[in-house]
Amino acid sequence: MAFNTLVEAGLVRPGQVLTDAKRRWSAIIRADGTLAAGGEAGSIHRLGAKVQGLDACNGWTFWHYHDGQSLRPIDDLRAVIRSDMAKMD
């Protein structure tokens, strides 16, 4: 599943800020489902790796959103979409 599916479903929105769990790095969600940070833009995986200086990153578990009470991994939102899709089958 692509991250932009979460944008299209309204679970996250363009302009919203995502951070890592310890709030060391942040990125802004773009309308096309990519992230932007420090003059760079890319997928949740590519930008997660870039900000950490790594070759690879699982963006689903690295990036977090604030749900009003705490930081939660965006993977939780992917699980919501998957659950909704399973109900349709």
PDB file of N, CA and C in Angstrom:
ATOM      1  N   MET A   1       0.846  -1.175   0.000  1.00  0.00           N
ATOM      2  CA  MET A   1       0.000   0.000   0.000  1.00  0.00           C
ATOM      3  C   MET A   1       0.893   1.241   0.000  1.00  0.00           C
ATOM      4  N   ALA A   2       0.510   2.216  -0.766  1.00  0.00           N
ATOM      5  CA  ALA A   2       1.270   3.462  -0.843  1.00  0.00           C
ATOM      6  C   ALA A   2       0.810   4.440   0.243  1.00  0.00           C
ATOM      7  N   PHE A   3       1.742   5.254   0.720  1.00  0.00           N
ATOM      8  CA  PHE A   3       1.434   6.225   1.758  1.00  0.00           C
ATOM      9  C   PHE A   3       0.344   7.191   1.310  1.00  0.00           C
ATOM     10  N   ASN A   4       0.316   7.533   0.021  1.00  0.00           N
ATOM     11  CA  ASN A   4      -0.689   8.497  -0.440  1.00  0.00           C
ATOM     12  C   ASN A   4      -2.116   7.970  -0.255  1.00  0.00           C
ATOM     13  N   THR A   5      -2.276   6.673  -0.036  1.00  0.00           N
ATOM     14  CA  THR A   5      -3.585   6.102   0.280  1.00  0.00           C
ATOM     15  C   THR A   5      -4.114   6.706   1.575  1.00  0.00           C
ATOM     16  N   LEU A   6      -3.220   6.952   2.543  1.00  0.00           N
ATOM     17  CA  LEU A   6      -3.631   7.573   3.804  1.00  0.00           C
ATOM     18  C   LEU A   6      -4.073   9.012   3.584  1.00  0.00           C
ATOM     19  N   VAL A   7      -3.386   9.708   2.674  1.00  0.00           N
ATOM     20  CA  VAL A   7      -3.757  11.088   2.339  1.00  0.00           C
ATOM     21  C   VAL A   7      -5.124  11.093   1.658  1.00  0.00           C
ATOM     22  N   GLU A   8      -5.300  10.218   0.678  1.00  0.00           N
ATOM     23  CA  GLU A   8      -6.559  10.148  -0.060  1.00  0.00           C
ATOM     24  C   GLU A   8      -7.732   9.785   0.849  1.00  0.00           C
ATOM     25  N   ALA A   9      -7.472   8.969   1.875  1.00  0.00           N
ATOM     26  CA  ALA A   9      -8.526   8.560   2.815  1.00  0.00           C
ATOM     27  C   ALA A   9      -8.802   9.622   3.876  1.00  0.00           C
ATOM     28  N   GLY A  10      -7.967  10.664   3.918  1.00  0.00           N
ATOM     29  CA  GLY A  10      -8.157  11.730   4.898  1.00  0.00           C
ATOM     30  C   GLY A  10      -7.632  11.407   6.289  1.00  0.00           C
ATOM     31  N   LEU A  11      -6.841  10.339   6.406  1.00  0.00           N
ATOM     32  CA  LEU A  11      -6.287   9.977   7.710  1.00  0.00           C
ATOM     33  C   LEU A  11      -5.106  10.859   8.092  1.00  0.00           C
ATOM     34  N   VAL A  12      -4.429  11.391   7.092  1.00  0.00           N
ATOM     35  CA  VAL A  12      -3.401  12.430   7.269  1.00  0.00           C
ATOM     36  C   VAL A  12      -3.678  13.476   6.204  1.00  0.00           C
ATOM     37  N   ARG A  13      -3.116  14.657   6.370  1.00  0.00           N
ATOM     38  CA  ARG A  13      -3.421  15.722   5.411  1.00  0.00           C
ATOM     39  C   ARG A  13      -2.151  16.446   4.967  1.00  0.00           C
ATOM     40  N   PRO A  14      -2.179  16.992   3.765  1.00  0.00           N
ATOM     41  CA  PRO A  14      -1.048  17.793   3.305  1.00  0.00           C
ATOM     42  C   PRO A  14      -0.789  18.933   4.296  1.00  0.00           C
ATOM     43  N   GLY A  15       0.465  19.172   4.584  1.00  0.00           N
ATOM     44  CA  GLY A  15       0.851  20.206   5.537  1.00  0.00           C
ATOM     45  C   GLY A  15       1.032  19.683   6.949  1.00  0.00           C
ATOM     46  N   GLN A  16       0.517  18.500   7.219  1.00  0.00           N
ATOM     47  CA  GLN A  16       0.664  17.898   8.550  1.00  0.00           C
ATOM     48  C   GLN A  16       2.122  17.494   8.767  1.00  0.00           C
ATOM     49  N   VAL A  17       2.585  17.644   9.993  1.00  0.00           N
ATOM     50  CA  VAL A  17       3.970  17.302  10.336  1.00  0.00           C
ATOM     51  C   VAL A  17       4.031  15.909  10.934  1.00  0.00           C
ATOM     52  N   LEU A  18       4.962  15.110  10.436  1.00  0.00           N
ATOM     53  CA  LEU A  18       5.279  13.811  11.008  1.00  0.00           C
ATOM     54  C   LEU A  18       6.641  13.921  11.674  1.00  0.00           C
ATOM     55  N   THR A  19       6.872  13.143  12.714  1.00  0.00           N
ATOM     56  CA  THR A  19       8.172  13.122  13.387  1.00  0.00           C
ATOM     57  C   THR A  19       8.576  11.676  13.638  1.00  0.00           C
ATOM     58  N   ASP A  20       9.834  11.491  14.040  1.00  0.00           N
ATOM     59  CA  ASP A  20      10.215  10.171  14.523  1.00  0.00           C
ATOM     60  C   ASP A  20       9.732  10.069  15.969  1.00  0.00           C
ATOM     61  N   ALA A  21       9.828   8.894  16.561  1.00  0.00           N
ATOM     62  CA  ALA A  21       9.282   8.649  17.903  1.00  0.00           C
ATOM     63  C   ALA A  21       9.899   9.552  18.972  1.00  0.00           C
ATOM     64  N   LYS A  22      11.161   9.938  18.775  1.00  0.00           N
ATOM     65  CA  LYS A  22      11.841  10.789  19.768  1.00  0.00           C
ATOM     66  C   LYS A  22      11.846  12.261  19.377  1.00  0.00           C
ATOM     67  N   ARG A  23      11.127  12.572  18.302  1.00  0.00           N
ATOM     68  CA  ARG A  23      11.007  13.952  17.796  1.00  0.00           C
ATOM     69  C   ARG A  23      12.346  14.596  17.440  1.00  0.00           C
ATOM     70  N   ARG A  24      13.271  13.787  16.950  1.00  0.00           N
ATOM     71  CA  ARG A  24      14.557  14.326  16.487  1.00  0.00           C
ATOM     72  C   ARG A  24      14.431  14.908  15.089  1.00  0.00           C
ATOM     73  N   TRP A  25      13.616  14.254  14.260  1.00  0.00           N
ATOM     74  CA  TRP A  25      13.441  14.678  12.876  1.00  0.00           C
ATOM     75  C   TRP A  25      11.956  14.887  12.594  1.00  0.00           C
ATOM     76  N   SER A  26      11.690  15.806  11.676  1.00  0.00           N
ATOM     77  CA  SER A  26      10.304  16.042  11.276  1.00  0.00           C
ATOM     78  C   SER A  26      10.235  16.237   9.768  1.00  0.00           C
ATOM     79  N   ALA A  27       9.062  15.998   9.230  1.00  0.00           N
ATOM     80  CA  ALA A  27       8.822  16.168   7.799  1.00  0.00           C
ATOM     81  C   ALA A  27       7.378  16.599   7.611  1.00  0.00           C
ATOM     82  N   ILE A  28       7.136  17.273   6.508  1.00  0.00           N
ATOM     83  CA  ILE A  28       5.795  17.760   6.180  1.00  0.00           C
ATOM     84  C   ILE A  28       5.217  16.898   5.064  1.00  0.00           C
ATOM     85  N   ILE A  29       3.972  16.510   5.231  1.00  0.00           N
ATOM     86  CA  ILE A  29       3.284  15.720   4.206  1.00  0.00           C
ATOM     87  C   ILE A  29       2.901  16.634   3.044  1.00  0.00           C
ATOM     88  N   ARG A  30       3.247  16.206   1.841  1.00  0.00           N
ATOM     89  CA  ARG A  30       2.876  16.944   0.635  1.00  0.00           C
ATOM     90  C   ARG A  30       1.613  16.337   0.023  1.00  0.00           C
ATOM     91  N   ALA A  31       0.926  17.112  -0.792  1.00  0.00           N
ATOM     92  CA  ALA A  31      -0.350  16.682  -1.384  1.00  0.00           C
ATOM     93  C   ALA A  31      -0.225  15.399  -2.206  1.00  0.00           C
ATOM     94  N   ASP A  32       0.958  15.161  -2.778  1.00  0.00           N
ATOM     95  CA  ASP A  32       1.137  13.966  -3.611  1.00  0.00           C
ATOM     96  C   ASP A  32       1.513  12.721  -2.804  1.00  0.00           C
ATOM     97  N   GLY A  33       1.540  12.844  -1.478  1.00  0.00           N
ATOM     98  CA  GLY A  33       1.854  11.690  -0.636  1.00  0.00           C
ATOM     99  C   GLY A  33       3.326  11.501  -0.357  1.00  0.00           C
ATOM    100  N   THR A  34       4.146  12.437  -0.789  1.00  0.00           N
ATOM    101  CA  THR A  34       5.558  12.393  -0.424  1.00  0.00           C
ATOM    102  C   THR A  34       5.762  13.263   0.806  1.00  0.00           C
ATOM    103  N   LEU A  35       6.954  13.186   1.378  1.00  0.00           N
ATOM    104  CA  LEU A  35       7.308  14.005   2.525  1.00  0.00           C
ATOM    105  C   LEU A  35       8.401  14.980   2.132  1.00  0.00           C
ATOM    106  N   ALA A  36       8.478  16.107   2.831  1.00  0.00           N
ATOM    107  CA  ALA A  36       9.519  17.103   2.585  1.00  0.00           C
ATOM    108  C   ALA A  36      10.178  17.479   3.907  1.00  0.00           C
ATOM    109  N   ALA A  37      11.517  17.579   3.860  1.00  0.00           N
ATOM    110  CA  ALA A  37      12.289  17.993   5.040  1.00  0.00           C
ATOM    111  C   ALA A  37      13.649  18.482   4.583  1.00  0.00           C
ATOM    112  N   GLY A  38      14.074  19.602   5.123  1.00  0.00           N
ATOM    113  CA  GLY A  38      15.418  20.108   4.841  1.00  0.00           C
ATOM    114  C   GLY A  38      15.750  20.259   3.375  1.00  0.00           C
ATOM    115  N   GLY A  39      14.802  20.699   2.590  1.00  0.00           N
ATOM    116  CA  GLY A  39      15.053  20.895   1.162  1.00  0.00           C
ATOM    117  C   GLY A  39      14.999  19.617   0.344  1.00  0.00           C
ATOM    118  N   GLU A  40      14.723  18.499   0.975  1.00  0.00           N
ATOM    119  CA  GLU A  40      14.611  17.206   0.289  1.00  0.00           C
ATOM    120  C   GLU A  40      13.151  16.773   0.278  1.00  0.00           C
ATOM    121  N   ALA A  41      12.800  15.947  -0.695  1.00  0.00           N
ATOM    122  CA  ALA A  41      11.466  15.375  -0.746  1.00  0.00           C
ATOM    123  C   ALA A  41      11.581  13.943  -1.225  1.00  0.00           C
ATOM    124  N   GLY A  42      10.663  13.111  -0.771  1.00  0.00           N
ATOM    125  CA  GLY A  42      10.682  11.721  -1.202  1.00  0.00           C
ATOM    126  C   GLY A  42       9.658  10.895  -0.463  1.00  0.00           C
ATOM    127  N   SER A  43       9.707   9.617  -0.701  1.00  0.00           N
ATOM    128  CA  SER A  43       8.782   8.688  -0.059  1.00  0.00           C
ATOM    129  C   SER A  43       9.060   8.624   1.444  1.00  0.00           C
ATOM    130  N   ILE A  44       8.126   8.040   2.175  1.00  0.00           N
ATOM    131  CA  ILE A  44       8.313   7.897   3.619  1.00  0.00           C
ATOM    132  C   ILE A  44       9.578   7.099   3.923  1.00  0.00           C
ATOM    133  N   HIS A  45       9.901   6.151   3.068  1.00  0.00           N
ATOM    134  CA  HIS A  45      11.082   5.305   3.287  1.00  0.00           C
ATOM    135  C   HIS A  45      12.368   6.051   2.932  1.00  0.00           C
ATOM    136  N   ARG A  46      12.367   6.677   1.753  1.00  0.00           N
ATOM    137  CA  ARG A  46      13.561   7.374   1.291  1.00  0.00           C
ATOM    138  C   ARG A  46      13.913   8.538   2.212  1.00  0.00           C
ATOM    139  N   LEU A  47      12.919   9.338   2.584  1.00  0.00           N
ATOM    140  CA  LEU A  47      13.202  10.500   3.424  1.00  0.00           C
ATOM    141  C   LEU A  47      13.560  10.076   4.844  1.00  0.00           C
ATOM    142  N   GLY A  48      12.954   9.010   5.337  1.00  0.00           N
ATOM    143  CA  GLY A  48      13.328   8.488   6.653  1.00  0.00           C
ATOM    144  C   GLY A  48      14.778   8.065   6.686  1.00  0.00           C
ATOM    145  N   ALA A  49      15.222   7.398   5.629  1.00  0.00           N
ATOM    146  CA  ALA A  49      16.625   6.985   5.538  1.00  0.00           C
ATOM    147  C   ALA A  49      17.530   8.211   5.419  1.00  0.00           C
ATOM    148  N   LYS A  50      17.128   9.152   4.587  1.00  0.00           N
ATOM    149  CA  LYS A  50      17.943  10.352   4.341  1.00  0.00           C
ATOM    150  C   LYS A  50      18.190  11.146   5.619  1.00  0.00           C
ATOM    151  N   VAL A  51      17.132  11.422   6.393  1.00  0.00           N
ATOM    152  CA  VAL A  51      17.314  12.248   7.589  1.00  0.00           C
ATOM    153  C   VAL A  51      18.194  11.553   8.630  1.00  0.00           C
ATOM    154  N   GLN A  52      18.199  10.227   8.619  1.00  0.00           N
ATOM    155  CA  GLN A  52      19.014   9.477   9.574  1.00  0.00           C
ATOM    156  C   GLN A  52      20.415   9.165   9.061  1.00  0.00           C
ATOM    157  N   GLY A  53      20.654   9.454   7.791  1.00  0.00           N
ATOM    158  CA  GLY A  53      21.950   9.128   7.205  1.00  0.00           C
ATOM    159  C   GLY A  53      22.131   7.634   6.979  1.00  0.00           C
ATOM    160  N   LEU A  54      21.026   6.948   6.711  1.00  0.00           N
ATOM    161  CA  LEU A  54      21.060   5.498   6.491  1.00  0.00           C
ATOM    162  C   LEU A  54      20.773   5.172   5.029  1.00  0.00           C
ATOM    163  N   ASP A  55      21.039   3.930   4.660  1.00  0.00           N
ATOM    164  CA  ASP A  55      20.749   3.481   3.305  1.00  0.00           C
ATOM    165  C   ASP A  55      19.291   3.106   3.114  1.00  0.00           C
ATOM    166  N   ALA A  56      18.634   2.650   4.187  1.00  0.00           N
ATOM    167  CA  ALA A  56      17.253   2.208   4.092  1.00  0.00           C
ATOM    168  C   ALA A  56      16.515   2.500   5.395  1.00  0.00           C
ATOM    169  N   CYS A  57      15.195   2.544   5.293  1.00  0.00           N
ATOM    170  CA  CYS A  57      14.366   2.828   6.463  1.00  0.00           C
ATOM    171  C   CYS A  57      12.957   2.321   6.195  1.00  0.00           C
ATOM    172  N   ASN A  58      12.331   1.729   7.195  1.00  0.00           N
ATOM    173  CA  ASN A  58      10.918   1.388   7.102  1.00  0.00           C
ATOM    174  C   ASN A  58      10.141   2.611   7.560  1.00  0.00           C
ATOM    175  N   GLY A  59       9.696   3.399   6.620  1.00  0.00           N
ATOM    176  CA  GLY A  59       8.992   4.641   6.925  1.00  0.00           C
ATOM    177  C   GLY A  59       7.707   4.434   7.704  1.00  0.00           C
ATOM    178  N   TRP A  60       7.067   3.277   7.541  1.00  0.00           N
ATOM    179  CA  TRP A  60       5.817   3.010   8.253  1.00  0.00           C
ATOM    180  C   TRP A  60       6.016   2.991   9.763  1.00  0.00           C
ATOM    181  N   THR A  61       7.154   2.496  10.212  1.00  0.00           N
ATOM    182  CA  THR A  61       7.407   2.435  11.656  1.00  0.00           C
ATOM    183  C   THR A  61       8.250   3.605  12.145  1.00  0.00           C
ATOM    184  N   PHE A  62       8.992   4.254  11.242  1.00  0.00           N
ATOM    185  CA  PHE A  62       9.842   5.385  11.636  1.00  0.00           C
ATOM    186  C   PHE A  62       9.044   6.657  11.859  1.00  0.00           C
ATOM    187  N   TRP A  63       8.147   6.991  10.920  1.00  0.00           N
ATOM    188  CA  TRP A  63       7.393   8.243  11.005  1.00  0.00           C
ATOM    189  C   TRP A  63       6.173   8.083  11.906  1.00  0.00           C
ATOM    190  N   HIS A  64       5.927   9.102  12.706  1.00  0.00           N
ATOM    191  CA  HIS A  64       4.813   9.109  13.655  1.00  0.00           C
ATOM    192  C   HIS A  64       3.964  10.361  13.470  1.00  0.00           C
ATOM    193  N   TYR A  65       2.699  10.251  13.826  1.00  0.00           N
ATOM    194  CA  TYR A  65       1.772  11.382  13.825  1.00  0.00           C
ATOM    195  C   TYR A  65       1.272  11.565  15.252  1.00  0.00           C
ATOM    196  N   HIS A  66       0.792  12.741  15.554  1.00  0.00           N
ATOM    197  CA  HIS A  66       0.245  13.009  16.885  1.00  0.00           C
ATOM    198  C   HIS A  66      -1.272  12.829  16.804  1.00  0.00           C
ATOM    199  N   ASP A  67      -1.812  11.943  17.624  1.00  0.00           N
ATOM    200  CA  ASP A  67      -3.253  11.646  17.567  1.00  0.00           C
ATOM    201  C   ASP A  67      -4.086  12.501  18.517  1.00  0.00           C
ATOM    202  N   GLY A  68      -3.474  13.548  19.069  1.00  0.00           N
ATOM    203  CA  GLY A  68      -4.164  14.403  20.026  1.00  0.00           C
ATOM    204  C   GLY A  68      -3.745  14.117  21.453  1.00  0.00           C
ATOM    205  N   GLN A  69      -3.188  12.913  21.662  1.00  0.00           N
ATOM    206  CA  GLN A  69      -2.727  12.540  22.995  1.00  0.00           C
ATOM    207  C   GLN A  69      -1.284  12.069  22.998  1.00  0.00           C
ATOM    208  N   SER A  70      -0.893  11.348  21.962  1.00  0.00           N
ATOM    209  CA  SER A  70       0.461  10.798  21.930  1.00  0.00           C
ATOM    210  C   SER A  70       0.918  10.603  20.488  1.00  0.00           C
ATOM    211  N   LEU A  71       2.200  10.294  20.341  1.00  0.00           N
ATOM    212  CA  LEU A  71       2.740   9.976  19.025  1.00  0.00           C
ATOM    213  C   LEU A  71       2.457   8.516  18.722  1.00  0.00           C
ATOM    214  N   ARG A  72       2.008   8.275  17.497  1.00  0.00           N
ATOM    215  CA  ARG A  72       1.712   6.914  17.072  1.00  0.00           C
ATOM    216  C   ARG A  72       2.325   6.697  15.693  1.00  0.00           C
ATOM    217  N   PRO A  73       2.823   5.505  15.407  1.00  0.00           N
ATOM    218  CA  PRO A  73       3.407   5.246  14.084  1.00  0.00           C
ATOM    219  C   PRO A  73       2.340   5.298  12.988  1.00  0.00           C
ATOM    220  N   ILE A  74       2.723   5.793  11.827  1.00  0.00           N
ATOM    221  CA  ILE A  74       1.767   5.847  10.721  1.00  0.00           C
ATOM    222  C   ILE A  74       1.336   4.445  10.299  1.00  0.00           C
ATOM    223  N   ASP A  75       2.083   3.436  10.714  1.00  0.00           N
ATOM    224  CA  ASP A  75       1.699   2.059  10.439  1.00  0.00           C
ATOM    225  C   ASP A  75       0.339   1.738  11.056  1.00  0.00           C
ATOM    226  N   ASP A  76      -0.005   2.412  12.162  1.00  0.00           N
ATOM    227  CA  ASP A  76      -1.327   2.223  12.770  1.00  0.00           C
ATOM    228  C   ASP A  76      -2.423   2.668  11.816  1.00  0.00           C
ATOM    229  N   LEU A  77      -2.169   3.734  11.057  1.00  0.00           N
ATOM    230  CA  LEU A  77      -3.159   4.222  10.089  1.00  0.00           C
ATOM    231  C   LEU A  77      -3.265   3.272   8.898  1.00  0.00           C
ATOM    232  N   ARG A  78      -2.152   2.695   8.509  1.00  0.00           N
ATOM    233  CA  ARG A  78      -2.171   1.704   7.428  1.00  0.00           C
ATOM    234  C   ARG A  78      -3.019   0.502   7.859  1.00  0.00           C
ATOM    235  N   ALA A  79      -2.923   0.134   9.131  1.00  0.00           N
ATOM    236  CA  ALA A  79      -3.722  -0.979   9.652  1.00  0.00           C
ATOM    237  C   ALA A  79      -5.215  -0.663   9.575  1.00  0.00           C
ATOM    238  N   VAL A  80      -5.587   0.604   9.800  1.00  0.00           N
ATOM    239  CA  VAL A  80      -6.987   1.022   9.688  1.00  0.00           C
ATOM    240  C   VAL A  80      -7.481   0.809   8.261  1.00  0.00           C
ATOM    241  N   ILE A  81      -6.674   1.240   7.300  1.00  0.00           N
ATOM    242  CA  ILE A  81      -7.051   1.076   5.878  1.00  0.00           C
ATOM    243  C   ILE A  81      -7.183  -0.405   5.541  1.00  0.00           C
ATOM    244  N   ARG A  82      -6.220  -1.209   5.973  1.00  0.00           N
ATOM    245  CA  ARG A  82      -6.262  -2.636   5.689  1.00  0.00           C
ATOM    246  C   ARG A  82      -7.502  -3.284   6.300  1.00  0.00           C
ATOM    247  N   SER A  83      -7.834  -2.885   7.501  1.00  0.00           N
ATOM    248  CA  SER A  83      -9.020  -3.421   8.179  1.00  0.00           C
ATOM    249  C   SER A  83     -10.284  -3.060   7.409  1.00  0.00           C
ATOM    250  N   ASP A  84     -10.366  -1.812   6.983  1.00  0.00           N
ATOM    251  CA  ASP A  84     -11.522  -1.371   6.200  1.00  0.00           C
ATOM    252  C   ASP A  84     -11.624  -2.137   4.877  1.00  0.00           C
ATOM    253  N   MET A  85     -10.480  -2.384   4.253  1.00  0.00           N
ATOM    254  CA  MET A  85     -10.472  -3.120   2.998  1.00  0.00           C
ATOM    255  C   MET A  85     -10.919  -4.565   3.208  1.00  0.00           C
ATOM    256  N   ALA A  86     -10.501  -5.164   4.320  1.00  0.00           N
ATOM    257  CA  ALA A  86     -10.873  -6.550   4.607  1.00  0.00           C
ATOM    258  C   ALA A  86     -12.379  -6.680   4.830  1.00  0.00           C
ATOM    259  N   LYS A  87     -12.982  -5.653   5.402  1.00  0.00           N
ATOM    260  CA  LYS A  87     -14.432  -5.677   5.643  1.00  0.00           C
ATOM    261  C   LYS A  87     -15.214  -5.642   4.331  1.00  0.00           C
ATOM    262  N   MET A  88     -14.582  -5.110   3.280  1.00  0.00           N
ATOM    263  CA  MET A  88     -15.256  -4.992   1.984  1.00  0.00           C
ATOM    264  C   MET A  88     -15.238  -6.324   1.211  1.00  0.00           C
ATOM    265  N   ASP A  89     -14.322  -7.197   1.575  1.00  0.00           N
ATOM    266  CA  ASP A  89     -14.203  -8.489   0.854  1.00  0.00           C
ATOM    267  C   ASP A  89     -15.315  -9.439   1.195  1.00  0.00           C
TER     268      ASP A  89
END
